[in-house]
C-alpha atoms as a PDB file:
ATOM      1  CA  MET A   1      74.824 122.202 145.654  1.00  0.00           C
ATOM      2  CA  TYR A   2      75.976 123.985 142.486  1.00  0.00           C
ATOM      3  CA  LEU A   3      75.915 122.243 139.087  1.00  0.00           C
ATOM      4  CA  HIS A   4      79.164 123.385 137.480  1.00  0.00           C
ATOM      5  CA  GLN A   5      78.463 122.071 133.975  1.00  0.00           C
ATOM      6  CA  ILE A   6      76.891 119.262 131.951  1.00  0.00           C
ATOM      7  CA  VAL A   7      79.419 117.253 129.919  1.00  0.00           C
ATOM      8  CA  VAL A   8      78.216 115.751 126.629  1.00  0.00           C
ATOM      9  CA  ASP A   9      80.163 113.243 124.524  1.00  0.00           C
ATOM     10  CA  ALA A  10      79.976 114.109 120.832  1.00  0.00           C
ATOM     11  CA  ARG A  11      81.227 112.806 117.523  1.00  0.00           C
ATOM     12  CA  ASP A  12      81.468 116.413 116.303  1.00  0.00           C
ATOM     13  CA  PRO A  13      81.708 118.661 119.397  1.00  0.00           C
ATOM     14  CA  GLU A  14      81.824 121.923 117.433  1.00  0.00           C
ATOM     15  CA  ALA A  15      78.707 121.161 115.368  1.00  0.00           C
ATOM     16  CA  LEU A  16      76.777 119.975 118.418  1.00  0.00           C
ATOM     17  CA  ALA A  17      77.836 123.040 120.405  1.00  0.00           C
ATOM     18  CA  ARG A  18      76.546 125.258 117.596  1.00  0.00           C
ATOM     19  CA  PHE A  19      73.200 123.416 117.634  1.00  0.00           C
ATOM     20  CA  TRP A  20      72.710 123.993 121.350  1.00  0.00           C
ATOM     21  CA  ALA A  21      73.955 127.580 121.196  1.00  0.00           C
ATOM     22  CA  SER A  22      71.463 128.324 118.413  1.00  0.00           C
ATOM     23  CA  LEU A  23      68.626 126.664 120.340  1.00  0.00           C
ATOM     24  CA  LEU A  24      69.299 128.081 123.807  1.00  0.00           C
ATOM     25  CA  GLY A  25      71.417 131.177 123.182  1.00  0.00           C
ATOM     26  CA  GLY A  26      75.072 131.741 123.936  1.00  0.00           C
ATOM     27  CA  THR A  27      78.253 131.413 121.907  1.00  0.00           C
ATOM     28  CA  PRO A  28      80.336 128.231 121.397  1.00  0.00           C
ATOM     29  CA  VAL A  29      83.806 128.730 122.880  1.00  0.00           C
ATOM     30  CA  GLU A  30      86.670 126.302 122.217  1.00  0.00           C
ATOM     31  CA  ARG A  31      88.134 125.428 125.628  1.00  0.00           C
ATOM     32  CA  ALA A  32      90.653 122.757 124.631  1.00  0.00           C
ATOM     33  CA  ARG A  33      91.637 121.089 121.386  1.00  0.00           C
ATOM     34  CA  GLY A  34      88.428 119.618 119.989  1.00  0.00           C
ATOM     35  CA  SER A  35      86.251 120.505 123.004  1.00  0.00           C
ATOM     36  CA  PHE A  36      83.670 123.301 123.123  1.00  0.00           C
ATOM     37  CA  ARG A  37      81.603 125.004 125.812  1.00  0.00           C
ATOM     38  CA  VAL A  38      78.298 126.856 125.635  1.00  0.00           C
ATOM     39  CA  ALA A  39      77.011 129.033 128.468  1.00  0.00           C
ATOM     40  CA  ALA A  40      73.365 129.804 127.688  1.00  0.00           C
ATOM     41  CA  PRO A  41      71.379 132.269 129.805  1.00  0.00           C
ATOM     42  CA  GLY A  42      69.472 130.444 132.541  1.00  0.00           C
ATOM     43  CA  PHE A  43      71.139 127.060 131.934  1.00  0.00           C
ATOM     44  CA  PRO A  44      74.190 125.310 133.410  1.00  0.00           C
ATOM     45  CA  PRO A  45      77.154 125.482 131.011  1.00  0.00           C
ATOM     46  CA  LEU A  46      77.269 122.667 128.448  1.00  0.00           C
ATOM     47  CA  ALA A  47      80.684 121.133 127.670  1.00  0.00           C
ATOM     48  CA  PHE A  48      81.035 119.031 124.494  1.00  0.00           C
ATOM     49  CA  GLN A  49      84.001 116.665 124.352  1.00  0.00           C
ATOM     50  CA  PRO A  50      85.076 114.394 121.469  1.00  0.00           C
ATOM     51  CA  ALA A  51      84.027 110.750 121.712  1.00  0.00           C
ATOM     52  CA  PRO A  52      83.893 108.576 118.549  1.00  0.00           C
ATOM     53  CA  GLU A  53      81.175 106.286 119.965  1.00  0.00           C
ATOM     54  CA  ALA A  54      78.900 109.093 121.152  1.00  0.00           C
ATOM     55  CA  GLY A  55      75.205 108.700 120.432  1.00  0.00           C
ATOM     56  CA  ALA A  56      75.370 104.889 120.209  1.00  0.00           C
ATOM     57  CA  GLY A  57      72.876 104.400 123.062  1.00  0.00           C
ATOM     58  CA  ARG A  58      70.315 106.243 125.127  1.00  0.00           C
ATOM     59  CA  ASN A  59      71.392 109.086 127.396  1.00  0.00           C
ATOM     60  CA  ARG A  60      72.540 108.019 130.805  1.00  0.00           C
ATOM     61  CA  LEU A  61      70.990 111.235 132.117  1.00  0.00           C
ATOM     62  CA  PRO A  62      68.145 112.682 130.001  1.00  0.00           C
ATOM     63  CA  PHE A  63      67.271 116.242 130.877  1.00  0.00           C
ATOM     64  CA  GLU A  64      64.314 118.563 130.619  1.00  0.00           C
ATOM     65  CA  ILE A  65      64.142 122.069 129.211  1.00  0.00           C
ATOM     66  CA  GLY A  66      61.343 124.339 130.329  1.00  0.00           C
ATOM     67  CA  VAL A  67      59.959 126.484 127.496  1.00  0.00           C
ATOM     68  CA  ALA A  68      57.030 128.849 127.149  1.00  0.00           C
ATOM     69  CA  ASP A  69      55.994 127.420 123.748  1.00  0.00           C
ATOM     70  CA  ILE A  70      56.698 123.731 123.190  1.00  0.00           C
ATOM     71  CA  GLY A  71      55.542 123.760 119.571  1.00  0.00           C
ATOM     72  CA  ALA A  72      57.701 126.722 118.557  1.00  0.00           C
ATOM     73  CA  THR A  73      60.768 125.335 120.310  1.00  0.00           C
ATOM     74  CA  ARG A  74      60.254 121.907 118.760  1.00  0.00           C
ATOM     75  CA  ALA A  75      59.983 123.523 115.319  1.00  0.00           C
ATOM     76  CA  ARG A  76      63.132 125.558 115.907  1.00  0.00           C
ATOM     77  CA  ALA A  77      65.007 122.435 117.043  1.00  0.00           C
ATOM     78  CA  GLY A  78      63.838 120.656 113.888  1.00  0.00           C
ATOM     79  CA  GLU A  79      65.157 123.470 111.702  1.00  0.00           C
ATOM     80  CA  LEU A  80      68.527 123.034 113.398  1.00  0.00           C
ATOM     81  CA  GLY A  81      68.643 119.272 112.771  1.00  0.00           C
ATOM     82  CA  ALA A  82      66.803 117.684 115.705  1.00  0.00           C
ATOM     83  CA  THR A  83      64.180 114.929 115.393  1.00  0.00           C
ATOM     84  CA  THR A  84      60.940 114.541 117.342  1.00  0.00           C
ATOM     85  CA  LEU A  85      59.876 111.270 118.969  1.00  0.00           C
ATOM     86  CA  LEU A  86      56.112 110.925 118.678  1.00  0.00           C
ATOM     87  CA  LEU A  87      54.648 109.461 121.868  1.00  0.00           C
ATOM     88  CA  PRO A  88      50.986 109.112 122.860  1.00  0.00           C
ATOM     89  CA  ASP A  89      51.267 111.621 125.701  1.00  0.00           C
ATOM     90  CA  ALA A  90      53.694 113.982 123.979  1.00  0.00           C
ATOM     91  CA  ASP A  91      52.281 116.675 121.752  1.00  0.00           C
ATOM     92  CA  GLU A  92      52.753 120.392 121.466  1.00  0.00           C
ATOM     93  CA  GLN A  93      49.665 121.083 123.570  1.00  0.00           C
ATOM     94  CA  GLY A  94      50.376 118.244 126.026  1.00  0.00           C
ATOM     95  CA  SER A  95      52.596 117.671 129.014  1.00  0.00           C
ATOM     96  CA  PHE A  96      55.917 117.283 127.209  1.00  0.00           C
ATOM     97  CA  GLN A  97      57.683 116.622 123.911  1.00  0.00           C
ATOM     98  CA  LEU A  98      60.607 114.236 123.522  1.00  0.00           C
ATOM     99  CA  VAL A  99      63.280 115.393 121.043  1.00  0.00           C
ATOM    100  CA  ARG A 100      66.689 114.134 119.917  1.00  0.00           C
ATOM    101  CA  ASP A 101      69.514 116.491 118.992  1.00  0.00           C
ATOM    102  CA  PRO A 102      71.527 115.867 115.776  1.00  0.00           C
ATOM    103  CA  GLU A 103      73.662 113.222 117.521  1.00  0.00           C
ATOM    104  CA  GLY A 104      70.734 111.394 119.115  1.00  0.00           C
ATOM    105  CA  ASN A 105      70.874 112.817 122.643  1.00  0.00           C
ATOM    106  CA  GLU A 106      67.334 112.874 124.033  1.00  0.00           C
ATOM    107  CA  PHE A 107      65.883 115.872 125.821  1.00  0.00           C
ATOM    108  CA  ARG A 108      62.372 116.669 126.949  1.00  0.00           C
ATOM    109  CA  LEU A 109      60.590 119.954 126.308  1.00  0.00           C
ATOM    110  CA  VAL A 110      58.230 120.791 129.144  1.00  0.00           C
ATOM    111  CA  PRO A 111      56.007 123.855 129.608  1.00  0.00           C
ATOM    112  CA  THR A 112      56.937 126.659 131.962  1.00  0.00           C
ATOM    113  CA  PRO A 113      54.886 129.718 132.877  1.00  0.00           C
ATOM    114  CA  PRO A 114      55.814 132.824 130.873  1.00  0.00           C
ATOM    115  CA  ALA A 115      58.279 135.165 132.546  1.00  0.00           C
ATOM    116  CA  PRO A 116      56.807 138.287 134.172  1.00  0.00           C
ATOM    117  CA  ALA A 117      56.575 141.260 131.834  1.00  0.00           C
ATOM    118  CA  GLY A 118      59.670 143.414 132.030  1.00  0.00           C
ATOM    119  CA  SER A 119      61.906 140.683 133.437  1.00  0.00           C
ATOM    120  CA  ALA A 120      65.217 139.769 131.809  1.00  0.00           C
ATOM    121  CA  ALA A 121      63.881 136.334 130.916  1.00  0.00           C
ATOM    122  CA  ALA A 122      60.919 137.771 129.039  1.00  0.00           C
ATOM    123  CA  GLY A 123      63.038 138.855 126.085  1.00  0.00           C
ATOM    124  CA  GLY A 124      63.827 135.323 124.876  1.00  0.00           C
ATOM    125  CA  GLY A 125      65.955 134.395 121.862  1.00  0.00           C
ATOM    126  CA  LEU A 126      69.612 135.128 121.415  1.00  0.00           C
ATOM    127  CA  PRO A 127      71.188 138.044 123.238  1.00  0.00           C
ATOM    128  CA  GLY A 128      71.444 141.184 121.118  1.00  0.00           C
ATOM    129  CA  ALA A 129      75.212 141.421 121.527  1.00  0.00           C
ATOM    130  CA  VAL A 130      78.126 139.245 122.623  1.00  0.00           C
ATOM    131  CA  ALA A 131      79.925 140.576 125.700  1.00  0.00           C
ATOM    132  CA  LYS A 132      83.733 140.552 125.670  1.00  0.00           C
ATOM    133  CA  ALA A 133      86.256 141.269 128.418  1.00  0.00           C
ATOM    134  CA  ARG A 134      89.817 142.418 127.683  1.00  0.00           C
ATOM    135  CA  VAL A 135      92.669 143.461 129.942  1.00  0.00           C
ATOM    136  CA  LEU A 136      95.274 146.177 129.354  1.00  0.00           C
ATOM    137  CA  PHE A 137      98.647 145.210 130.848  1.00  0.00           C
ATOM    138  CA  THR A 138     101.654 147.553 130.698  1.00  0.00           C
ATOM    139  CA  ASP A 139     105.250 147.374 131.909  1.00  0.00           C
ATOM    140  CA  SER A 140     107.660 149.926 133.387  1.00  0.00           C
ATOM    141  CA  ARG A 141     108.658 151.062 129.876  1.00  0.00           C
ATOM    142  CA  GLY A 142     105.072 151.825 128.859  1.00  0.00           C
ATOM    143  CA  ARG A 143     104.821 148.823 126.582  1.00  0.00           C
ATOM    144  CA  ILE A 144     101.524 146.952 126.146  1.00  0.00           C
ATOM    145  CA  LEU A 145     100.894 143.202 126.194  1.00  0.00           C
ATOM    146  CA  LEU A 146      99.328 142.067 122.901  1.00  0.00           C
ATOM    147  CA  VAL A 147      98.475 138.527 121.846  1.00  0.00           C
ATOM    148  CA  ARG A 148      98.004 137.054 118.384  1.00  0.00           C
ATOM    149  CA  LEU A 149      95.130 134.663 117.783  1.00  0.00           C
ATOM    150  CA  GLN A 150      95.765 131.357 116.100  1.00  0.00           C
ATOM    151  CA  PRO A 151      95.346 132.000 112.369  1.00  0.00           C
ATOM    152  CA  ARG A 152      91.951 131.348 110.887  1.00  0.00           C
ATOM    153  CA  HIS A 153      91.631 131.778 107.128  1.00  0.00           C
ATOM    154  CA  ASP A 154      95.290 132.925 107.116  1.00  0.00           C
ATOM    155  CA  GLU A 155      94.486 136.107 109.038  1.00  0.00           C
ATOM    156  CA  ARG A 156      96.949 137.644 111.504  1.00  0.00           C
ATOM    157  CA  HIS A 157      94.817 139.101 114.261  1.00  0.00           C
ATOM    158  CA  TRP A 158      96.433 140.902 117.210  1.00  0.00           C
ATOM    159  CA  GLY A 159      94.614 142.287 120.218  1.00  0.00           C
ATOM    160  CA  LEU A 160      94.493 142.709 123.975  1.00  0.00           C
ATOM    161  CA  PRO A 161      94.220 139.412 125.891  1.00  0.00           C
ATOM    162  CA  GLY A 162      90.752 138.375 126.991  1.00  0.00           C
ATOM    163  CA  GLY A 163      87.698 136.663 125.586  1.00  0.00           C
ATOM    164  CA  THR A 164      83.968 136.007 125.678  1.00  0.00           C
ATOM    165  CA  VAL A 165      81.829 136.521 128.761  1.00  0.00           C
ATOM    166  CA  GLU A 166      79.897 133.330 129.436  1.00  0.00           C
ATOM    167  CA  ALA A 167      76.320 134.602 129.551  1.00  0.00           C
ATOM    168  CA  GLY A 168      74.348 133.826 132.666  1.00  0.00           C
ATOM    169  CA  THR A 169      77.315 132.550 134.667  1.00  0.00           C
ATOM    170  CA  GLU A 170      79.753 135.451 135.096  1.00  0.00           C
ATOM    171  CA  THR A 171      80.230 139.210 134.852  1.00  0.00           C
ATOM    172  CA  PRO A 172      82.706 140.875 132.453  1.00  0.00           C
ATOM    173  CA  ARG A 173      85.126 141.399 135.356  1.00  0.00           C
ATOM    174  CA  GLN A 174      84.926 137.726 136.321  1.00  0.00           C
ATOM    175  CA  ALA A 175      85.376 136.731 132.683  1.00  0.00           C
ATOM    176  CA  ALA A 176      88.526 138.863 132.497  1.00  0.00           C
ATOM    177  CA  VAL A 177      90.055 136.960 135.436  1.00  0.00           C
ATOM    178  CA  ARG A 178      89.140 133.567 133.958  1.00  0.00           C
ATOM    179  CA  GLU A 179      90.182 134.298 130.374  1.00  0.00           C
ATOM    180  CA  ILE A 180      93.556 135.759 131.366  1.00  0.00           C
ATOM    181  CA  ARG A 181      94.318 132.757 133.558  1.00  0.00           C
ATOM    182  CA  GLU A 182      93.230 130.250 130.891  1.00  0.00           C
ATOM    183  CA  GLU A 183      94.909 131.955 127.928  1.00  0.00           C
ATOM    184  CA  THR A 184      98.147 133.282 129.430  1.00  0.00           C
ATOM    185  CA  GLY A 185      98.609 131.649 132.832  1.00  0.00           C
ATOM    186  CA  LEU A 186      98.669 135.088 134.470  1.00  0.00           C
ATOM    187  CA  ARG A 187      96.649 135.714 137.608  1.00  0.00           C
ATOM    188  CA  CYS A 188      95.234 139.198 137.693  1.00  0.00           C
ATOM    189  CA  THR A 189      92.827 141.324 139.672  1.00  0.00           C
ATOM    190  CA  PRO A 190      91.323 143.741 137.144  1.00  0.00           C
ATOM    191  CA  GLY A 191      91.350 147.370 138.213  1.00  0.00           C
ATOM    192  CA  ARG A 192      89.452 150.268 136.693  1.00  0.00           C
ATOM    193  CA  LEU A 193      87.105 149.792 133.780  1.00  0.00           C
ATOM    194  CA  LEU A 194      88.876 151.880 131.132  1.00  0.00           C
ATOM    195  CA  SER A 195      86.465 151.684 128.225  1.00  0.00           C
ATOM    196  CA  VAL A 196      83.283 150.127 126.916  1.00  0.00           C
ATOM    197  CA  ASP A 197      83.276 149.727 123.139  1.00  0.00           C
ATOM    198  CA  TRP A 198      80.278 148.812 120.984  1.00  0.00           C
ATOM    199  CA  VAL A 199      81.861 146.939 118.065  1.00  0.00           C
ATOM    200  CA  ASN A 200      79.654 146.464 115.010  1.00  0.00           C
ATOM    201  CA  ARG A 201      80.067 143.300 112.938  1.00  0.00           C
ATOM    202  CA  THR A 202      78.835 142.703 109.405  1.00  0.00           C
ATOM    203  CA  ASP A 203      79.143 138.912 109.729  1.00  0.00           C
ATOM    204  CA  ASP A 204      77.807 138.356 113.253  1.00  0.00           C
ATOM    205  CA  ARG A 205      76.140 139.946 116.273  1.00  0.00           C
ATOM    206  CA  PRO A 206      77.810 143.109 117.604  1.00  0.00           C
ATOM    207  CA  ARG A 207      80.305 142.953 120.482  1.00  0.00           C
ATOM    208  CA  MET A 208      80.209 144.917 123.722  1.00  0.00           C
ATOM    209  CA  VAL A 209      83.880 145.021 124.728  1.00  0.00           C
ATOM    210  CA  HIS A 210      84.891 145.901 128.298  1.00  0.00           C
ATOM    211  CA  VAL A 211      88.557 146.889 128.723  1.00  0.00           C
ATOM    212  CA  PHE A 212      89.963 146.697 132.268  1.00  0.00           C
ATOM    213  CA  ASP A 213      93.247 147.936 133.726  1.00  0.00           C
ATOM    214  CA  GLY A 214      95.397 144.877 134.425  1.00  0.00           C
ATOM    215  CA  GLY A 215      98.113 146.829 136.211  1.00  0.00           C
ATOM    216  CA  PRO A 216     101.863 146.682 135.640  1.00  0.00           C
ATOM    217  CA  LEU A 217     103.709 143.528 134.621  1.00  0.00           C
ATOM    218  CA  GLU A 218     107.114 142.774 136.094  1.00  0.00           C
ATOM    219  CA  ASP A 219     109.841 140.751 134.381  1.00  0.00           C
ATOM    220  CA  GLY A 220     108.888 137.730 136.475  1.00  0.00           C
ATOM    221  CA  ASP A 221     105.325 137.960 135.211  1.00  0.00           C
ATOM    222  CA  LEU A 222     106.491 137.925 131.612  1.00  0.00           C
ATOM    223  CA  THR A 223     108.643 134.837 132.072  1.00  0.00           C
ATOM    224  CA  GLY A 224     105.637 133.069 133.575  1.00  0.00           C
ATOM    225  CA  ILE A 225     103.348 133.561 130.582  1.00  0.00           C
ATOM    226  CA  ARG A 226     102.088 130.226 129.251  1.00  0.00           C
ATOM    227  CA  LEU A 227      99.849 130.593 126.210  1.00  0.00           C
ATOM    228  CA  ASP A 228      96.817 128.441 125.465  1.00  0.00           C
ATOM    229  CA  GLU A 229      98.122 127.170 122.126  1.00  0.00           C
ATOM    230  CA  VAL A 230      94.631 126.289 120.920  1.00  0.00           C
ATOM    231  CA  GLU A 231      93.612 129.945 120.868  1.00  0.00           C
ATOM    232  CA  LEU A 232      96.834 131.997 120.875  1.00  0.00           C
ATOM    233  CA  ALA A 233      99.888 131.834 118.632  1.00  0.00           C
ATOM    234  CA  GLU A 234     102.240 134.339 120.324  1.00  0.00           C
ATOM    235  CA  TRP A 235     102.505 137.334 122.651  1.00  0.00           C
ATOM    236  CA  ARG A 236     104.541 140.517 122.451  1.00  0.00           C
ATOM    237  CA  MET A 237     105.239 143.625 124.531  1.00  0.00           C
ATOM    238  CA  CYS A 238     104.699 146.574 122.189  1.00  0.00           C
ATOM    239  CA  SER A 239     105.197 150.316 122.311  1.00  0.00           C
ATOM    240  CA  PRO A 240     102.084 152.302 121.400  1.00  0.00           C
ATOM    241  CA  GLU A 241     103.586 152.911 117.953  1.00  0.00           C
ATOM    242  CA  GLU A 242     104.191 149.185 117.432  1.00  0.00           C
ATOM    243  CA  ALA A 243     100.675 148.405 118.660  1.00  0.00           C
ATOM    244  CA  GLU A 244      99.167 150.846 116.180  1.00  0.00           C
ATOM    245  CA  ALA A 245     101.014 149.100 113.350  1.00  0.00           C
ATOM    246  CA  LEU A 246      99.776 145.643 114.434  1.00  0.00           C
ATOM    247  CA  LEU A 247      96.162 146.378 115.307  1.00  0.00           C
ATOM    248  CA  ARG A 248      93.201 147.001 113.067  1.00  0.00           C
ATOM    249  CA  PRO A 249      92.121 150.667 113.079  1.00  0.00           C
ATOM    250  CA  ALA A 250      89.084 150.129 115.333  1.00  0.00           C
ATOM    251  CA  SER A 251      91.110 148.005 117.778  1.00  0.00           C
ATOM    252  CA  TRP A 252      93.850 150.639 117.891  1.00  0.00           C
ATOM    253  CA  GLY A 253      91.220 153.309 118.576  1.00  0.00           C
ATOM    254  CA  GLN A 254      89.893 151.215 121.472  1.00  0.00           C
ATOM    255  CA  LEU A 255      93.396 150.787 122.896  1.00  0.00           C
ATOM    256  CA  ARG A 256      94.346 154.448 122.394  1.00  0.00           C
ATOM    257  CA  GLN A 257      91.241 155.660 124.229  1.00  0.00           C
ATOM    258  CA  SER A 258      91.830 153.127 127.028  1.00  0.00           C
ATOM    259  CA  LEU A 259      95.424 154.336 127.422  1.00  0.00           C
ATOM    260  CA  ALA A 260      94.187 157.927 127.685  1.00  0.00           C
ATOM    261  CA  VAL A 261      91.839 156.985 130.530  1.00  0.00           C
ATOM    262  CA  LEU A 262      94.601 154.978 132.211  1.00  0.00           C
ATOM    263  CA  ALA A 263      96.892 158.043 132.157  1.00  0.00           C
ATOM    264  CA  ALA A 264      94.249 160.340 133.660  1.00  0.00           C
ATOM    265  CA  ALA A 265      93.466 159.282 137.222  1.00  0.00           C
ATOM    266  CA  GLY A 266      89.826 159.553 138.209  1.00  0.00           C
ATOM    267  CA  THR A 267      88.468 159.551 134.663  1.00  0.00           C
ATOM    268  CA  GLY A 268      86.636 157.057 132.535  1.00  0.00           C
ATOM    269  CA  PRO A 269      85.430 154.739 131.401  1.00  0.00           C
ATOM    270  CA  ALA A 270      85.460 155.927 127.800  1.00  0.00           C
ATOM    271  CA  GLU A 271      82.252 155.244 125.886  1.00  0.00           C
ATOM    272  CA  LEU A 272      83.187 154.103 122.383  1.00  0.00           C
ATOM    273  CA  VAL A 273      81.615 152.902 119.155  1.00  0.00           C
ATOM    274  CA  ASP A 274      84.042 150.984 116.935  1.00  0.00           C
ATOM    275  CA  GLY A 275      86.971 152.526 118.817  1.00  0.00           C
ATOM    276  CA  VAL A 276      85.766 156.115 118.438  1.00  0.00           C
ATOM    277  CA  PRO A 277      84.238 158.212 121.263  1.00  0.00           C
ATOM    278  CA  ALA A 278      80.463 157.931 121.118  1.00  0.00           C
ATOM    279  CA  THR A 279      78.421 160.963 120.154  1.00  0.00           C
ATOM    280  CA  SER A 280      74.772 161.578 121.034  1.00  0.00           C
END
């Protein structure tokens, strides 16, 4: 049996998703209007959906989280807005600790043996970078499919279609298939990996962007595009010159290098830093 996800009712799904992402790792991703999903390494995905009466009673299904240090995790949860329920047999050196998240959902911290040295689980904490998967689609005229994100803070942000890799549950290639289907309605089988771009951010963790060849789009494909209106505002087929005018310099560099690999059979992927070929 495979547990696909845990669904949590929430008065404020975005805030609760951020709490759990900060506690467990991962990045909150808006999946539908008002609903958010967090895929934390080593945990089933958590889906937070709006429900005005959430938190009015005890959980129907309390769950346990195995941690190497109950006291440290309890303290971290408290910093993020959780409360601790003091029980006679629950202390940081004892068998478990009962905690409530900011909306009153109870969860139990239980001890687990430390991960073996050198294993992926031994690192702990948030991942050092957020993985992204994007797909480069072209048509018979050499135009490129670009999408514009819904405006946030009045910004107009164009880019290749794609999105965040859900850590612990999928690879970048699998994320490309899922994101393209969810955001555009297109069904694709990604081809060559064209580039890997380390994108530095001053306001957040860096991004590791994987750009895959999506293959050619026919006219019938274009008429079948159905945008996820929560995340995307519009799409456009652009010549390289039009794309350069729409994209930020680093994004254009990433696309330009990916196009160069696409045009040269048997090459790639390009190794980039902020859209520029990496140097040793």
